[in-house]
C-alpha cells in the first residue's frame, strides 16, 4: 500500500500518479462491469502484453485500486476486481467518456 507521505501534495497529481498509464484506465473501465480473470482482461483491453498487464495489475493492487483473489485449484484461478477505492473512479471515467465523445463529435 502506498504511504501518505509518498504522495504528491496536489490532488490532481495524486490521481494522475494512480491512473496515468493508459492501460490502468482501461483496466478500470473493464473491471467496472465486474470481476474478470487475467485472460478476459487481456482480451478485452487489446494490444497489451502479458508482462505489461501483470505489472499494471500489481501496481494497482499495491495502490489499493484492484483486489486479486487466488483460488487454490489446479490449474490456479486468479480473479481481479475493483476495490471500493477503485470503483470510486467511475465518475472520472464517465467524465472522460463524455469529454471524448464531445471532442470526437466536434471534429465532424
PDB file of N, CA and C in Angstrom:
ATOM      1  N   UNK A   1       0.842  -1.181   0.000  1.00  0.00           N
ATOM      2  CA  UNK A   1       0.000   0.000   0.000  1.00  0.00           C
ATOM      3  C   UNK A   1       0.885   1.242   0.000  1.00  0.00           C
ATOM      4  N   UNK A   2       0.483   2.218  -0.761  1.00  0.00           N
ATOM      5  CA  UNK A   2       1.216   3.480  -0.837  1.00  0.00           C
ATOM      6  C   UNK A   2       1.058   4.234   0.485  1.00  0.00           C
ATOM      7  N   UNK A   3       2.154   4.829   0.945  1.00  0.00           N
ATOM      8  CA  UNK A   3       2.103   5.616   2.164  1.00  0.00           C
ATOM      9  C   UNK A   3       1.698   7.043   1.828  1.00  0.00           C
ATOM     10  N   UNK A   4       0.962   7.653   2.716  1.00  0.00           N
ATOM     11  CA  UNK A   4       0.511   9.029   2.518  1.00  0.00           C
ATOM     12  C   UNK A   4       1.686   9.974   2.279  1.00  0.00           C
ATOM     13  N   UNK A   5       2.779   9.726   2.964  1.00  0.00           N
ATOM     14  CA  UNK A   5       3.953  10.593   2.841  1.00  0.00           C
ATOM     15  C   UNK A   5       4.612  10.491   1.459  1.00  0.00           C
ATOM     16  N   UNK A   6       4.309   9.432   0.705  1.00  0.00           N
ATOM     17  CA  UNK A   6       4.882   9.238  -0.624  1.00  0.00           C
ATOM     18  C   UNK A   6       4.082   9.953  -1.714  1.00  0.00           C
ATOM     19  N   UNK A   7       2.918  10.470  -1.360  1.00  0.00           N
ATOM     20  CA  UNK A   7       2.052  11.103  -2.348  1.00  0.00           C
ATOM     21  C   UNK A   7       2.394  12.577  -2.530  1.00  0.00           C
ATOM     22  N   UNK A   8       2.224  13.070  -3.761  1.00  0.00           N
ATOM     23  CA  UNK A   8       2.463  14.497  -4.000  1.00  0.00           C
ATOM     24  C   UNK A   8       1.406  15.349  -3.304  1.00  0.00           C
ATOM     25  N   UNK A   9       1.671  16.628  -3.070  1.00  0.00           N
ATOM     26  CA  UNK A   9       0.701  17.475  -2.370  1.00  0.00           C
ATOM     27  C   UNK A   9      -0.534  17.820  -3.208  1.00  0.00           C
ATOM     28  N   UNK A  10      -0.414  17.807  -4.513  1.00  0.00           N
ATOM     29  CA  UNK A  10      -1.524  18.205  -5.395  1.00  0.00           C
ATOM     30  C   UNK A  10      -2.468  17.028  -5.635  1.00  0.00           C
ATOM     31  N   UNK A  11      -3.781  17.182  -5.342  1.00  0.00           N
ATOM     32  CA  UNK A  11      -4.744  16.097  -5.547  1.00  0.00           C
ATOM     33  C   UNK A  11      -4.827  15.617  -7.003  1.00  0.00           C
ATOM     34  N   UNK A  12      -4.682  16.534  -7.958  1.00  0.00           N
ATOM     35  CA  UNK A  12      -4.720  16.133  -9.372  1.00  0.00           C
ATOM     36  C   UNK A  12      -3.515  15.245  -9.679  1.00  0.00           C
ATOM     37  N   UNK A  13      -2.370  15.614  -9.145  1.00  0.00           N
ATOM     38  CA  UNK A  13      -1.156  14.827  -9.359  1.00  0.00           C
ATOM     39  C   UNK A  13      -1.277  13.443  -8.715  1.00  0.00           C
ATOM     40  N   UNK A  14      -1.939  13.357  -7.568  1.00  0.00           N
ATOM     41  CA  UNK A  14      -2.169  12.060  -6.922  1.00  0.00           C
ATOM     42  C   UNK A  14      -2.983  11.162  -7.851  1.00  0.00           C
ATOM     43  N   UNK A  15      -4.074  11.708  -8.391  1.00  0.00           N
ATOM     44  CA  UNK A  15      -4.936  10.935  -9.285  1.00  0.00           C
ATOM     45  C   UNK A  15      -4.146  10.478 -10.503  1.00  0.00           C
ATOM     46  N   UNK A  16      -3.376  11.386 -11.095  1.00  0.00           N
ATOM     47  CA  UNK A  16      -2.573  11.031 -12.268  1.00  0.00           C
ATOM     48  C   UNK A  16      -1.527   9.967 -11.930  1.00  0.00           C
ATOM     49  N   UNK A  17      -0.956  10.051 -10.753  1.00  0.00           N
ATOM     50  CA  UNK A  17       0.033   9.065 -10.334  1.00  0.00           C
ATOM     51  C   UNK A  17      -0.595   7.667 -10.286  1.00  0.00           C
ATOM     52  N   UNK A  18      -1.846   7.588  -9.866  1.00  0.00           N
ATOM     53  CA  UNK A  18      -2.505   6.294  -9.714  1.00  0.00           C
ATOM     54  C   UNK A  18      -3.058   5.733 -11.021  1.00  0.00           C
ATOM     55  N   UNK A  19      -3.475   6.605 -11.940  1.00  0.00           N
ATOM     56  CA  UNK A  19      -4.112   6.096 -13.167  1.00  0.00           C
ATOM     57  C   UNK A  19      -3.492   6.668 -14.440  1.00  0.00           C
ATOM     58  N   UNK A  20      -2.261   7.165 -14.365  1.00  0.00           N
ATOM     59  CA  UNK A  20      -1.674   7.858 -15.508  1.00  0.00           C
ATOM     60  C   UNK A  20      -1.397   6.955 -16.703  1.00  0.00           C
ATOM     61  N   UNK A  21      -1.181   5.697 -16.489  1.00  0.00           N
ATOM     62  CA  UNK A  21      -0.916   4.789 -17.593  1.00  0.00           C
ATOM     63  C   UNK A  21      -2.223   4.459 -18.314  1.00  0.00           C
ATOM     64  N   UNK A  22      -2.211   4.477 -19.640  1.00  0.00           N
ATOM     65  CA  UNK A  22      -3.454   4.216 -20.387  1.00  0.00           C
ATOM     66  C   UNK A  22      -4.005   2.840 -20.093  1.00  0.00           C
ATOM     67  N   UNK A  23      -3.125   1.876 -19.815  1.00  0.00           N
ATOM     68  CA  UNK A  23      -3.613   0.528 -19.524  1.00  0.00           C
ATOM     69  C   UNK A  23      -4.388   0.510 -18.211  1.00  0.00           C
ATOM     70  N   UNK A  24      -3.969   1.292 -17.245  1.00  0.00           N
ATOM     71  CA  UNK A  24      -4.670   1.323 -15.958  1.00  0.00           C
ATOM     72  C   UNK A  24      -6.091   1.831 -16.126  1.00  0.00           C
ATOM     73  N   UNK A  25      -6.269   2.849 -16.931  1.00  0.00           N
ATOM     74  CA  UNK A  25      -7.610   3.388 -17.167  1.00  0.00           C
ATOM     75  C   UNK A  25      -8.481   2.328 -17.855  1.00  0.00           C
ATOM     76  N   UNK A  26      -7.900   1.598 -18.812  1.00  0.00           N
ATOM     77  CA  UNK A  26      -8.665   0.560 -19.499  1.00  0.00           C
ATOM     78  C   UNK A  26      -8.967  -0.624 -18.584  1.00  0.00           C
ATOM     79  N   UNK A  27      -8.056  -0.932 -17.687  1.00  0.00           N
ATOM     80  CA  UNK A  27      -8.313  -1.988 -16.700  1.00  0.00           C
ATOM     81  C   UNK A  27      -9.492  -1.586 -15.813  1.00  0.00           C
ATOM     82  N   UNK A  28      -9.477  -0.351 -15.337  1.00  0.00           N
ATOM     83  CA  UNK A  28     -10.580   0.139 -14.507  1.00  0.00           C
ATOM     84  C   UNK A  28     -11.886   0.085 -15.287  1.00  0.00           C
ATOM     85  N   UNK A  29     -11.850   0.564 -16.533  1.00  0.00           N
ATOM     86  CA  UNK A  29     -13.046   0.537 -17.388  1.00  0.00           C
ATOM     87  C   UNK A  29     -13.626  -0.870 -17.457  1.00  0.00           C
ATOM     88  N   UNK A  30     -12.773  -1.853 -17.681  1.00  0.00           N
ATOM     89  CA  UNK A  30     -13.254  -3.219 -17.834  1.00  0.00           C
ATOM     90  C   UNK A  30     -13.693  -3.852 -16.525  1.00  0.00           C
ATOM     91  N   UNK A  31     -13.057  -3.485 -15.428  1.00  0.00           N
ATOM     92  CA  UNK A  31     -13.446  -4.051 -14.129  1.00  0.00           C
ATOM     93  C   UNK A  31     -14.680  -3.374 -13.543  1.00  0.00           C
ATOM     94  N   UNK A  32     -15.061  -2.216 -14.078  1.00  0.00           N
ATOM     95  CA  UNK A  32     -16.292  -1.567 -13.606  1.00  0.00           C
ATOM     96  C   UNK A  32     -17.519  -2.430 -13.890  1.00  0.00           C
ATOM     97  N   UNK A  33     -17.423  -3.304 -14.890  1.00  0.00           N
ATOM     98  CA  UNK A  33     -18.560  -4.189 -15.213  1.00  0.00           C
ATOM     99  C   UNK A  33     -18.558  -5.457 -14.380  1.00  0.00           C
ATOM    100  N   UNK A  34     -17.494  -5.686 -13.604  1.00  0.00           N
ATOM    101  CA  UNK A  34     -17.462  -6.855 -12.729  1.00  0.00           C
ATOM    102  C   UNK A  34     -16.105  -7.542 -12.725  1.00  0.00           C
ATOM    103  N   UNK A  35     -16.022  -8.590 -11.933  1.00  0.00           N
ATOM    104  CA  UNK A  35     -14.795  -9.358 -11.752  1.00  0.00           C
ATOM    105  C   UNK A  35     -14.386 -10.030 -13.067  1.00  0.00           C
ATOM    106  N   UNK A  36     -13.077 -10.033 -13.318  1.00  0.00           N
ATOM    107  CA  UNK A  36     -12.555 -10.644 -14.544  1.00  0.00           C
ATOM    108  C   UNK A  36     -11.307 -11.463 -14.225  1.00  0.00           C
ATOM    109  N   UNK A  37     -11.090 -12.499 -15.033  1.00  0.00           N
ATOM    110  CA  UNK A  37      -9.852 -13.265 -14.955  1.00  0.00           C
ATOM    111  C   UNK A  37      -8.815 -12.580 -15.837  1.00  0.00           C
ATOM    112  N   UNK A  38      -7.562 -12.949 -15.647  1.00  0.00           N
ATOM    113  CA  UNK A  38      -6.462 -12.312 -16.368  1.00  0.00           C
ATOM    114  C   UNK A  38      -6.672 -12.384 -17.879  1.00  0.00           C
ATOM    115  N   UNK A  39      -6.995 -13.557 -18.389  1.00  0.00           N
ATOM    116  CA  UNK A  39      -7.183 -13.731 -19.829  1.00  0.00           C
ATOM    117  C   UNK A  39      -8.322 -12.881 -20.375  1.00  0.00           C
ATOM    118  N   UNK A  40      -9.393 -12.757 -19.598  1.00  0.00           N
ATOM    119  CA  UNK A  40     -10.515 -11.910 -20.020  1.00  0.00           C
ATOM    120  C   UNK A  40     -10.075 -10.450 -20.132  1.00  0.00           C
ATOM    121  N   UNK A  41      -9.319  -9.994 -19.144  1.00  0.00           N
ATOM    122  CA  UNK A  41      -8.814  -8.617 -19.177  1.00  0.00           C
ATOM    123  C   UNK A  41      -7.909  -8.397 -20.381  1.00  0.00           C
ATOM    124  N   UNK A  42      -7.026  -9.327 -20.605  1.00  0.00           N
ATOM    125  CA  UNK A  42      -6.072  -9.177 -21.714  1.00  0.00           C
ATOM    126  C   UNK A  42      -6.795  -9.102 -23.055  1.00  0.00           C
ATOM    127  N   UNK A  43      -7.813  -9.945 -23.242  1.00  0.00           N
ATOM    128  CA  UNK A  43      -8.577  -9.922 -24.497  1.00  0.00           C
ATOM    129  C   UNK A  43      -9.387  -8.640 -24.638  1.00  0.00           C
ATOM    130  N   UNK A  44      -9.997  -8.186 -23.558  1.00  0.00           N
ATOM    131  CA  UNK A  44     -10.871  -7.017 -23.652  1.00  0.00           C
ATOM    132  C   UNK A  44     -10.082  -5.717 -23.814  1.00  0.00           C
ATOM    133  N   UNK A  45      -8.867  -5.678 -23.284  1.00  0.00           N
ATOM    134  CA  UNK A  45      -8.063  -4.467 -23.367  1.00  0.00           C
ATOM    135  C   UNK A  45      -7.430  -4.320 -24.745  1.00  0.00           C
ATOM    136  N   UNK A  46      -6.995  -5.401 -25.332  1.00  0.00           N
ATOM    137  CA  UNK A  46      -6.422  -5.307 -26.673  1.00  0.00           C
ATOM    138  C   UNK A  46      -4.938  -5.587 -26.708  1.00  0.00           C
ATOM    139  N   UNK A  47      -4.175  -4.719 -27.332  1.00  0.00           N
ATOM    140  CA  UNK A  47      -2.756  -4.956 -27.597  1.00  0.00           C
ATOM    141  C   UNK A  47      -1.860  -4.682 -26.405  1.00  0.00           C
ATOM    142  N   UNK A  48      -2.121  -5.355 -25.312  1.00  0.00           N
ATOM    143  CA  UNK A  48      -1.268  -5.220 -24.141  1.00  0.00           C
ATOM    144  C   UNK A  48      -0.543  -6.545 -23.931  1.00  0.00           C
ATOM    145  N   UNK A  49       0.745  -6.475 -23.638  1.00  0.00           N
ATOM    146  CA  UNK A  49       1.499  -7.702 -23.398  1.00  0.00           C
ATOM    147  C   UNK A  49       1.165  -8.246 -22.010  1.00  0.00           C
ATOM    148  N   UNK A  50       1.434  -9.516 -21.834  1.00  0.00           N
ATOM    149  CA  UNK A  50       1.192 -10.158 -20.544  1.00  0.00           C
ATOM    150  C   UNK A  50       2.026  -9.481 -19.458  1.00  0.00           C
ATOM    151  N   UNK A  51       3.276  -9.158 -19.781  1.00  0.00           N
ATOM    152  CA  UNK A  51       4.179  -8.524 -18.813  1.00  0.00           C
ATOM    153  C   UNK A  51       3.645  -7.158 -18.373  1.00  0.00           C
ATOM    154  N   UNK A  52       3.197  -6.350 -19.327  1.00  0.00           N
ATOM    155  CA  UNK A  52       2.706  -5.005 -19.014  1.00  0.00           C
ATOM    156  C   UNK A  52       1.411  -5.080 -18.218  1.00  0.00           C
ATOM    157  N   UNK A  53       0.515  -5.980 -18.608  1.00  0.00           N
ATOM    158  CA  UNK A  53      -0.746  -6.130 -17.872  1.00  0.00           C
ATOM    159  C   UNK A  53      -0.485  -6.588 -16.445  1.00  0.00           C
ATOM    160  N   UNK A  54       0.393  -7.563 -16.285  1.00  0.00           N
ATOM    161  CA  UNK A  54       0.740  -8.053 -14.949  1.00  0.00           C
ATOM    162  C   UNK A  54       1.325  -6.929 -14.097  1.00  0.00           C
ATOM    163  N   UNK A  55       2.235  -6.161 -14.677  1.00  0.00           N
ATOM    164  CA  UNK A  55       2.870  -5.055 -13.958  1.00  0.00           C
ATOM    165  C   UNK A  55       1.840  -4.019 -13.515  1.00  0.00           C
ATOM    166  N   UNK A  56       0.931  -3.668 -14.419  1.00  0.00           N
ATOM    167  CA  UNK A  56      -0.095  -2.681 -14.084  1.00  0.00           C
ATOM    168  C   UNK A  56      -1.051  -3.200 -13.021  1.00  0.00           C
ATOM    169  N   UNK A  57      -1.444  -4.454 -13.122  1.00  0.00           N
ATOM    170  CA  UNK A  57      -2.343  -5.028 -12.114  1.00  0.00           C
ATOM    171  C   UNK A  57      -1.669  -5.057 -10.743  1.00  0.00           C
ATOM    172  N   UNK A  58      -0.402  -5.407 -10.696  1.00  0.00           N
ATOM    173  CA  UNK A  58       0.333  -5.425  -9.416  1.00  0.00           C
ATOM    174  C   UNK A  58       0.416  -4.025  -8.819  1.00  0.00           C
ATOM    175  N   UNK A  59       0.710  -3.046  -9.666  1.00  0.00           N
ATOM    176  CA  UNK A  59       0.790  -1.662  -9.212  1.00  0.00           C
ATOM    177  C   UNK A  59      -0.565  -1.192  -8.676  1.00  0.00           C
ATOM    178  N   UNK A  60      -1.628  -1.537  -9.375  1.00  0.00           N
ATOM    179  CA  UNK A  60      -2.968  -1.119  -8.955  1.00  0.00           C
ATOM    180  C   UNK A  60      -3.392  -1.842  -7.675  1.00  0.00           C
ATOM    181  N   UNK A  61      -2.953  -3.075  -7.512  1.00  0.00           N
ATOM    182  CA  UNK A  61      -3.220  -3.809  -6.270  1.00  0.00           C
ATOM    183  C   UNK A  61      -2.483  -3.145  -5.109  1.00  0.00           C
ATOM    184  N   UNK A  62      -1.233  -2.773  -5.342  1.00  0.00           N
ATOM    185  CA  UNK A  62      -0.429  -2.097  -4.313  1.00  0.00           C
ATOM    186  C   UNK A  62      -1.027  -0.747  -3.935  1.00  0.00           C
ATOM    187  N   UNK A  63      -1.646  -0.081  -4.903  1.00  0.00           N
ATOM    188  CA  UNK A  63      -2.271   1.227  -4.662  1.00  0.00           C
ATOM    189  C   UNK A  63      -3.645   1.109  -4.012  1.00  0.00           C
ATOM    190  N   UNK A  64      -4.157  -0.091  -3.917  1.00  0.00           N
ATOM    191  CA  UNK A  64      -5.463  -0.282  -3.299  1.00  0.00           C
ATOM    192  C   UNK A  64      -6.630  -0.078  -4.250  1.00  0.00           C
ATOM    193  N   UNK A  65      -6.370  -0.115  -5.570  1.00  0.00           N
ATOM    194  CA  UNK A  65      -7.441   0.061  -6.551  1.00  0.00           C
ATOM    195  C   UNK A  65      -8.040  -1.268  -6.996  1.00  0.00           C
ATOM    196  N   UNK A  66      -7.219  -2.320  -6.996  1.00  0.00           N
ATOM    197  CA  UNK A  66      -7.631  -3.623  -7.510  1.00  0.00           C
ATOM    198  C   UNK A  66      -7.420  -4.684  -6.435  1.00  0.00           C
ATOM    199  N   UNK A  67      -8.341  -5.628  -6.393  1.00  0.00           N
ATOM    200  CA  UNK A  67      -8.240  -6.773  -5.486  1.00  0.00           C
ATOM    201  C   UNK A  67      -7.948  -8.011  -6.324  1.00  0.00           C
ATOM    202  N   UNK A  68      -6.938  -8.759  -5.930  1.00  0.00           N
ATOM    203  CA  UNK A  68      -6.553 -10.003  -6.619  1.00  0.00           C
ATOM    204  C   UNK A  68      -6.923 -11.169  -5.717  1.00  0.00           C
ATOM    205  N   UNK A  69      -7.739 -12.068  -6.253  1.00  0.00           N
ATOM    206  CA  UNK A  69      -8.164 -13.230  -5.473  1.00  0.00           C
ATOM    207  C   UNK A  69      -7.674 -14.491  -6.172  1.00  0.00           C
ATOM    208  N   UNK A  70      -6.892 -15.293  -5.427  1.00  0.00           N
ATOM    209  CA  UNK A  70      -6.338 -16.535  -5.963  1.00  0.00           C
ATOM    210  C   UNK A  70      -7.107 -17.698  -5.361  1.00  0.00           C
ATOM    211  N   UNK A  71      -7.568 -18.593  -6.234  1.00  0.00           N
ATOM    212  CA  UNK A  71      -8.291 -19.787  -5.799  1.00  0.00           C
ATOM    213  C   UNK A  71      -7.338 -20.969  -5.808  1.00  0.00           C
ATOM    214  N   UNK A  72      -7.383 -21.766  -4.739  1.00  0.00           N
ATOM    215  CA  UNK A  72      -6.499 -22.932  -4.612  1.00  0.00           C
ATOM    216  C   UNK A  72      -7.068 -24.084  -5.443  1.00  0.00           C
ATOM    217  N   UNK A  73      -6.867 -23.995  -6.738  1.00  0.00           N
ATOM    218  CA  UNK A  73      -7.337 -25.008  -7.668  1.00  0.00           C
ATOM    219  C   UNK A  73      -6.180 -25.388  -8.575  1.00  0.00           C
ATOM    220  N   UNK A  74      -6.355 -26.485  -9.287  1.00  0.00           N
ATOM    221  CA  UNK A  74      -5.384 -26.879 -10.294  1.00  0.00           C
ATOM    222  C   UNK A  74      -6.104 -26.931 -11.623  1.00  0.00           C
ATOM    223  N   UNK A  75      -5.735 -26.110 -12.603  1.00  0.00           N
ATOM    224  CA  UNK A  75      -4.733 -25.044 -12.507  1.00  0.00           C
ATOM    225  C   UNK A  75      -5.256 -23.885 -11.663  1.00  0.00           C
ATOM    226  N   UNK A  76      -4.345 -23.075 -11.117  1.00  0.00           N
ATOM    227  CA  UNK A  76      -4.781 -21.971 -10.257  1.00  0.00           C
ATOM    228  C   UNK A  76      -5.652 -20.976 -11.035  1.00  0.00           C
ATOM    229  N   UNK A  77      -6.640 -20.462 -10.347  1.00  0.00           N
ATOM    230  CA  UNK A  77      -7.531 -19.469 -10.946  1.00  0.00           C
ATOM    231  C   UNK A  77      -7.346 -18.168 -10.178  1.00  0.00           C
ATOM    232  N   UNK A  78      -7.161 -17.077 -10.923  1.00  0.00           N
ATOM    233  CA  UNK A  78      -6.970 -15.765 -10.316  1.00  0.00           C
ATOM    234  C   UNK A  78      -8.006 -14.824 -10.900  1.00  0.00           C
ATOM    235  N   UNK A  79      -8.679 -14.082 -10.028  1.00  0.00           N
ATOM    236  CA  UNK A  79      -9.677 -13.114 -10.463  1.00  0.00           C
ATOM    237  C   UNK A  79      -9.324 -11.730  -9.935  1.00  0.00           C
ATOM    238  N   UNK A  80      -9.676 -10.730 -10.728  1.00  0.00           N
ATOM    239  CA  UNK A  80      -9.408  -9.339 -10.371  1.00  0.00           C
ATOM    240  C   UNK A  80     -10.722  -8.578 -10.301  1.00  0.00           C
ATOM    241  N   UNK A  81     -10.815  -7.722  -9.311  1.00  0.00           N
ATOM    242  CA  UNK A  81     -11.995  -6.860  -9.173  1.00  0.00           C
ATOM    243  C   UNK A  81     -11.535  -5.528  -8.595  1.00  0.00           C
ATOM    244  N   UNK A  82     -12.396  -4.544  -8.709  1.00  0.00           N
ATOM    245  CA  UNK A  82     -12.082  -3.228  -8.160  1.00  0.00           C
ATOM    246  C   UNK A  82     -12.410  -3.197  -6.672  1.00  0.00           C
ATOM    247  N   UNK A  83     -11.585  -2.527  -5.917  1.00  0.00           N
ATOM    248  CA  UNK A  83     -11.903  -2.249  -4.521  1.00  0.00           C
ATOM    249  C   UNK A  83     -12.902  -1.089  -4.516  1.00  0.00           C
ATOM    250  N   UNK A  84     -13.405  -0.734  -3.362  1.00  0.00           N
ATOM    251  CA  UNK A  84     -14.288   0.436  -3.271  1.00  0.00           C
ATOM    252  C   UNK A  84     -13.559   1.693  -3.744  1.00  0.00           C
ATOM    253  N   UNK A  85     -12.272   1.777  -3.433  1.00  0.00           N
ATOM    254  CA  UNK A  85     -11.477   2.920  -3.881  1.00  0.00           C
ATOM    255  C   UNK A  85     -11.375   2.934  -5.403  1.00  0.00           C
ATOM    256  N   UNK A  86     -11.125   1.780  -5.992  1.00  0.00           N
ATOM    257  CA  UNK A  86     -11.065   1.690  -7.451  1.00  0.00           C
ATOM    258  C   UNK A  86     -12.391   2.032  -8.100  1.00  0.00           C
ATOM    259  N   UNK A  87     -13.468   1.545  -7.494  1.00  0.00           N
ATOM    260  CA  UNK A  87     -14.812   1.815  -8.030  1.00  0.00           C
ATOM    261  C   UNK A  87     -15.152   3.306  -7.915  1.00  0.00           C
ATOM    262  N   UNK A  88     -14.564   3.989  -6.952  1.00  0.00           N
ATOM    263  CA  UNK A  88     -14.849   5.413  -6.781  1.00  0.00           C
ATOM    264  C   UNK A  88     -14.309   6.256  -7.944  1.00  0.00           C
ATOM    265  N   UNK A  89     -13.510   5.653  -8.824  1.00  0.00           N
ATOM    266  CA  UNK A  89     -13.004   6.352 -10.011  1.00  0.00           C
ATOM    267  C   UNK A  89     -14.023   6.365 -11.153  1.00  0.00           C
ATOM    268  N   UNK A  90     -15.145   5.685 -10.983  1.00  0.00           N
ATOM    269  CA  UNK A  90     -16.145   5.610 -12.053  1.00  0.00           C
ATOM    270  C   UNK A  90     -16.605   6.976 -12.555  1.00  0.00           C
ATOM    271  N   UNK A  91     -16.903   7.952 -11.681  1.00  0.00           N
ATOM    272  CA  UNK A  91     -17.311   9.265 -12.206  1.00  0.00           C
ATOM    273  C   UNK A  91     -16.233   9.929 -13.067  1.00  0.00           C
ATOM    274  N   UNK A  92     -14.973   9.682 -12.756  1.00  0.00           N
ATOM    275  CA  UNK A  92     -13.879  10.250 -13.555  1.00  0.00           C
ATOM    276  C   UNK A  92     -13.889   9.628 -14.944  1.00  0.00           C
ATOM    277  N   UNK A  93     -14.046   8.313 -15.012  1.00  0.00           N
ATOM    278  CA  UNK A  93     -14.110   7.650 -16.315  1.00  0.00           C
ATOM    279  C   UNK A  93     -15.360   8.059 -17.079  1.00  0.00           C
ATOM    280  N   UNK A  94     -16.479   8.231 -16.374  1.00  0.00           N
ATOM    281  CA  UNK A  94     -17.707   8.711 -17.032  1.00  0.00           C
ATOM    282  C   UNK A  94     -17.479  10.083 -17.657  1.00  0.00           C
ATOM    283  N   UNK A  95     -16.794  10.961 -16.932  1.00  0.00           N
ATOM    284  CA  UNK A  95     -16.492  12.295 -17.458  1.00  0.00           C
ATOM    285  C   UNK A  95     -15.563  12.197 -18.668  1.00  0.00           C
ATOM    286  N   UNK A  96     -14.646  11.249 -18.660  1.00  0.00           N
ATOM    287  CA  UNK A  96     -13.749  11.056 -19.798  1.00  0.00           C
ATOM    288  C   UNK A  96     -14.532  10.577 -21.026  1.00  0.00           C
ATOM    289  N   UNK A  97     -15.529   9.738 -20.809  1.00  0.00           N
ATOM    290  CA  UNK A  97     -16.373   9.277 -21.913  1.00  0.00           C
ATOM    291  C   UNK A  97     -17.106  10.456 -22.541  1.00  0.00           C
ATOM    292  N   UNK A  98     -17.706  11.296 -21.711  1.00  0.00           N
ATOM    293  CA  UNK A  98     -18.444  12.458 -22.205  1.00  0.00           C
ATOM    294  C   UNK A  98     -17.503  13.392 -22.959  1.00  0.00           C
ATOM    295  N   UNK A  99     -16.356  13.688 -22.364  1.00  0.00           N
ATOM    296  CA  UNK A  99     -15.417  14.602 -22.997  1.00  0.00           C
ATOM    297  C   UNK A  99     -14.910  14.037 -24.326  1.00  0.00           C
ATOM    298  N   UNK A 100     -14.524  12.755 -24.324  1.00  0.00           N
ATOM    299  CA  UNK A 100     -14.013  12.126 -25.539  1.00  0.00           C
ATOM    300  C   UNK A 100     -15.048  12.084 -26.650  1.00  0.00           C
ATOM    301  N   UNK A 101     -16.294  11.799 -26.281  1.00  0.00           N
ATOM    302  CA  UNK A 101     -17.380  11.786 -27.261  1.00  0.00           C
ATOM    303  C   UNK A 101     -17.592  13.172 -27.845  1.00  0.00           C
ATOM    304  N   UNK A 102     -17.638  14.189 -26.987  1.00  0.00           N
ATOM    305  CA  UNK A 102     -17.822  15.567 -27.453  1.00  0.00           C
ATOM    306  C   UNK A 102     -16.670  16.005 -28.346  1.00  0.00           C
ATOM    307  N   UNK A 103     -15.467  15.656 -27.971  1.00  0.00           N
ATOM    308  CA  UNK A 103     -14.303  16.022 -28.785  1.00  0.00           C
ATOM    309  C   UNK A 103     -14.382  15.371 -30.163  1.00  0.00           C
ATOM    310  N   UNK A 104     -14.668  14.072 -30.169  1.00  0.00           N
ATOM    311  CA  UNK A 104     -14.754  13.340 -31.434  1.00  0.00           C
ATOM    312  C   UNK A 104     -15.846  13.933 -32.322  1.00  0.00           C
ATOM    313  N   UNK A 105     -17.001  14.248 -31.731  1.00  0.00           N
ATOM    314  CA  UNK A 105     -18.108  14.821 -32.498  1.00  0.00           C
ATOM    315  C   UNK A 105     -17.782  16.222 -33.012  1.00  0.00           C
ATOM    316  N   UNK A 106     -16.936  16.957 -32.320  1.00  0.00           N
ATOM    317  CA  UNK A 106     -16.584  18.303 -32.761  1.00  0.00           C
ATOM    318  C   UNK A 106     -15.690  18.290 -33.998  1.00  0.00           C
ATOM    319  N   UNK A 107     -15.101  17.146 -34.292  1.00  0.00           N
ATOM    320  CA  UNK A 107     -14.201  17.039 -35.446  1.00  0.00           C
ATOM    321  C   UNK A 107     -14.956  16.783 -36.747  1.00  0.00           C
ATOM    322  N   UNK A 108     -16.226  16.491 -36.658  1.00  0.00           N
ATOM    323  CA  UNK A 108     -17.020  16.209 -37.878  1.00  0.00           C
ATOM    324  C   UNK A 108     -17.319  17.458 -38.653  1.00  0.00           C
TER     325      UNK A 108
END
